[in-house]
Protein backbone atom coordinates (compact mmCIF):
# COMPACT_ATOMS: atom_id res chain seq x y z
CA MET A 1 32.03 -20.89 -41.41
CA LEU A 2 34.75 -20.35 -38.94
CA VAL A 3 35.39 -16.63 -38.18
CA VAL A 4 38.61 -15.51 -36.83
CA GLY A 5 39.24 -12.12 -35.26
CA LEU A 6 42.56 -10.43 -35.47
CA THR A 7 43.57 -8.08 -33.19
CA GLY A 8 46.61 -6.50 -32.09
CA GLY A 9 48.22 -3.30 -30.66
CA ILE A 10 49.01 -0.36 -32.85
CA GLY A 11 52.36 -1.26 -34.64
CA SER A 12 52.14 -4.78 -34.15
CA GLY A 13 51.60 -5.66 -37.82
CA LYS A 14 48.35 -6.63 -37.98
CA THR A 15 48.02 -5.19 -41.99
CA ALA A 16 51.44 -7.50 -42.80
CA VAL A 17 49.28 -10.69 -41.31
CA SER A 18 46.33 -9.97 -42.81
CA GLU A 19 47.95 -9.73 -46.40
CA ARG A 20 49.64 -12.98 -45.83
CA PHE A 21 46.23 -14.75 -44.87
CA ALA A 22 44.93 -12.86 -48.32
CA ARG A 23 47.52 -14.54 -50.52
CA HIS A 24 46.48 -17.88 -49.02
CA GLY A 25 43.03 -17.01 -50.59
CA VAL A 26 41.19 -16.31 -47.19
CA PRO A 27 38.63 -13.16 -47.24
CA VAL A 28 39.66 -10.60 -45.23
CA ILE A 29 36.83 -7.95 -43.87
CA ASP A 30 38.89 -5.21 -42.09
CA THR A 31 36.86 -2.91 -39.62
CA ASP A 32 39.12 0.21 -40.51
CA LEU A 33 38.25 0.12 -44.20
CA ILE A 34 34.59 -0.29 -42.95
CA ALA A 35 35.07 2.64 -40.89
CA ARG A 36 36.45 4.70 -43.87
CA GLU A 37 33.60 3.55 -45.82
CA LEU A 38 31.33 4.96 -43.48
CA VAL A 39 32.59 8.36 -43.52
CA GLU A 40 32.83 9.11 -47.30
CA PRO A 41 30.80 12.01 -48.34
CA GLY A 42 27.30 11.45 -48.60
CA GLN A 43 27.40 8.90 -46.15
CA PRO A 44 24.87 9.13 -42.93
CA ALA A 45 27.65 8.68 -40.78
CA LEU A 46 29.52 11.58 -41.67
CA ALA A 47 26.58 13.80 -41.32
CA GLU A 48 26.13 12.34 -38.15
CA ILE A 49 29.64 13.08 -37.05
CA ALA A 50 29.48 16.94 -38.44
CA ASN A 51 26.20 17.30 -36.70
CA HIS A 52 27.72 16.29 -33.42
CA PHE A 53 31.39 17.43 -33.42
CA GLY A 54 30.71 20.57 -35.65
CA PRO A 55 31.20 21.38 -39.21
CA ASP A 56 34.79 22.25 -38.59
CA CYS A 57 35.22 18.53 -38.46
CA LEU A 58 34.81 18.30 -42.29
CA ASP A 59 37.54 19.90 -44.79
CA GLY A 60 37.08 22.21 -47.76
CA GLU A 61 35.57 19.40 -49.79
CA GLY A 62 33.25 18.17 -47.41
CA ARG A 63 35.52 14.92 -46.28
CA LEU A 64 36.10 14.29 -42.88
CA HIS A 65 39.28 16.13 -41.30
CA ARG A 66 40.93 12.96 -39.52
CA ALA A 67 43.52 15.03 -37.62
CA ARG A 68 41.05 17.22 -36.38
CA LEU A 69 38.52 14.95 -35.34
CA ARG A 70 41.49 12.58 -33.74
CA GLU A 71 42.45 15.83 -31.69
CA ARG A 72 39.06 16.41 -30.68
CA VAL A 73 38.10 13.06 -29.51
CA PHE A 74 41.57 11.47 -28.29
CA ALA A 75 41.66 14.16 -25.37
CA ASP A 76 38.05 13.60 -24.58
CA PRO A 77 36.69 10.19 -23.59
CA THR A 78 32.99 11.57 -24.05
CA GLY A 79 33.94 12.60 -27.17
CA ARG A 80 35.54 9.24 -28.29
CA ARG A 81 32.18 7.50 -26.86
CA GLN A 82 29.83 9.51 -29.04
CA LEU A 83 32.01 9.06 -31.91
CA GLU A 84 31.82 5.19 -31.38
CA ALA A 85 28.22 5.36 -30.75
CA ILE A 86 27.82 6.59 -34.30
CA LEU A 87 30.18 4.13 -35.88
CA HIS A 88 30.29 0.92 -34.15
CA PRO A 89 26.44 -0.40 -34.80
CA ARG A 90 26.93 0.58 -38.41
CA ILE A 91 30.48 -1.39 -38.44
CA ARG A 92 29.07 -4.28 -36.50
CA ALA A 93 25.66 -4.57 -39.07
CA LEU A 94 28.39 -4.32 -42.16
CA VAL A 95 30.72 -7.17 -40.81
CA ARG A 96 27.63 -9.52 -40.19
CA GLU A 97 26.48 -8.72 -43.72
CA ARG A 98 29.87 -9.42 -45.38
CA VAL A 99 30.61 -12.31 -43.46
CA ALA A 100 27.16 -13.72 -44.74
CA ALA A 101 27.85 -13.11 -47.95
CA LEU A 102 30.66 -15.15 -47.81
CA ALA A 103 30.80 -19.39 -48.94
CA VAL A 104 34.31 -20.12 -47.61
CA PRO A 105 35.98 -22.58 -44.93
CA TYR A 106 36.91 -19.52 -42.92
CA CYS A 107 37.36 -15.73 -42.97
CA LEU A 108 39.28 -13.00 -40.98
CA VAL A 109 37.84 -9.81 -39.53
CA VAL A 110 40.48 -7.38 -38.59
CA ILE A 111 38.88 -5.45 -35.46
CA PRO A 112 41.89 -3.47 -34.00
CA LEU A 113 40.26 -2.25 -30.88
CA LEU A 114 38.79 -5.88 -30.19
CA ALA A 115 39.38 -5.61 -26.48
CA GLU A 116 37.84 -1.92 -26.18
CA THR A 117 34.73 -2.57 -28.21
CA GLY A 118 33.74 -5.93 -27.32
CA MET A 119 33.18 -7.22 -30.63
CA THR A 120 33.88 -10.58 -29.70
CA ASP A 121 29.98 -11.81 -30.69
CA LEU A 122 30.90 -11.19 -34.15
CA ILE A 123 33.90 -14.21 -34.17
CA ASP A 124 34.53 -17.47 -33.09
CA ARG A 125 38.35 -17.61 -32.41
CA VAL A 126 40.68 -14.37 -31.50
CA LEU A 127 44.20 -14.17 -33.27
CA VAL A 128 46.26 -11.50 -31.29
CA VAL A 129 49.30 -10.48 -33.31
CA ASP A 130 51.86 -9.25 -30.34
CA ALA A 131 55.05 -7.39 -30.83
CA PRO A 132 57.31 -5.84 -28.09
CA GLU A 133 56.39 -2.44 -27.12
CA ALA A 134 59.74 -0.69 -28.16
CA GLU A 135 59.01 -2.52 -31.69
CA GLN A 136 55.41 -1.01 -31.76
CA ILE A 137 56.79 2.35 -30.87
CA ARG A 138 59.42 2.12 -33.47
CA ARG A 139 57.34 0.85 -36.18
CA VAL A 140 54.29 3.63 -35.32
CA MET A 141 56.93 6.69 -35.45
CA ALA A 142 58.35 5.60 -38.97
CA ARG A 143 54.55 4.96 -40.36
CA ASP A 144 53.15 7.95 -38.86
CA ARG A 145 56.18 10.02 -38.68
CA ILE A 146 55.46 11.20 -35.22
CA ASP A 147 57.81 11.64 -31.85
CA ALA A 148 58.37 8.72 -29.42
CA ASP A 149 56.13 10.48 -26.95
CA GLN A 150 52.99 10.64 -29.40
CA ALA A 151 53.27 7.17 -30.09
CA ARG A 152 53.60 6.11 -26.56
CA ARG A 153 50.46 8.46 -25.94
CA ILE A 154 48.44 6.47 -28.75
CA LEU A 155 49.65 3.16 -27.17
CA ALA A 156 48.57 4.10 -23.72
CA ALA A 157 45.07 4.93 -25.05
CA GLN A 158 44.58 1.41 -26.17
CA ALA A 159 43.79 -1.94 -24.24
CA SER A 160 46.90 -3.26 -22.37
CA ARG A 161 48.95 -5.72 -23.82
CA ASP A 162 47.55 -8.28 -21.24
CA ARG A 163 43.80 -7.48 -21.89
CA ARG A 164 44.58 -8.15 -25.29
CA LEU A 165 46.32 -11.59 -24.77
CA ALA A 166 43.43 -12.65 -22.09
CA LEU A 167 41.53 -12.69 -25.27
CA ALA A 168 43.50 -14.66 -27.36
CA ASP A 169 42.73 -18.33 -28.82
CA GLU A 170 46.23 -17.79 -30.90
CA ILE A 171 49.15 -15.52 -30.58
CA LEU A 172 51.27 -14.50 -33.38
CA GLU A 173 54.40 -13.19 -32.11
CA ASN A 174 55.30 -10.73 -34.74
CA SER A 175 58.73 -9.46 -33.77
CA GLY A 176 61.18 -11.42 -36.17
CA ASN A 177 61.62 -11.18 -39.83
CA LEU A 178 59.40 -11.58 -42.78
CA ASP A 179 60.39 -15.23 -43.36
CA GLN A 180 59.30 -16.23 -39.92
CA LEU A 181 56.16 -14.28 -40.34
CA ASP A 182 55.43 -15.93 -43.62
CA ARG A 183 55.75 -19.41 -42.02
CA GLN A 184 53.92 -18.58 -38.49
CA VAL A 185 50.66 -17.51 -40.83
CA ALA A 186 51.18 -20.67 -43.28
CA ALA A 187 50.81 -22.63 -40.20
CA LEU A 188 48.18 -21.01 -38.65
CA HIS A 189 46.41 -21.11 -42.23
CA GLN A 190 46.56 -24.60 -41.81
CA HIS A 191 45.06 -24.94 -38.12
CA TYR A 192 42.35 -22.64 -38.90
CA SER A 193 41.43 -24.75 -42.23
CA THR A 194 41.55 -28.06 -40.28
CA LEU A 195 39.26 -26.33 -37.37
CA ALA A 196 36.82 -25.02 -40.21
CA ALA A 197 36.72 -28.44 -41.85
CA ALA A 198 35.95 -30.29 -38.47
CA ARG A 199 32.91 -27.59 -37.96
CA THR A 200 31.51 -29.25 -41.16
CA ALA A 201 32.55 -32.82 -40.69
């Protein structure tokens, strides 16, 4: 099976793209959703986070207080690496497990921080969703209800656009309208279906 890794900076439109692949019947494994599963109450990763970063990283119901943890690790590279050390091996294991359970020509694995995490060993090809920085900032401000400075800080903490594009086998330019996006995804779906068929021929 062909495994396509989907990545892109914040606000580039990864969700819109992955939803369109799903409409073509392509299974989508999203590492952000896996990360959320891993920090549900009762999960070992959540207990490890609370032990490491302190019980105030949990809210009154024992759930992860995302904003508080984000504040703590965002300003501290050591803290961010420690959080990654707790989550990334578990994310990798679950991605491998879920890919292995599929029997389809190809699947999509959404890895927003592919350039930062080095999870390229999990995939065969890299599809980068790209958008102009001004458009990314506008989308993030609207989605997260934050100001431009905060949006720029989040962008600056991610891998550079050049570093992401250097990984790409395919690039989807997502600065147009939804009709254009539909057409691009349909063309890529055809491309990946052809590549997947060639692997099994």
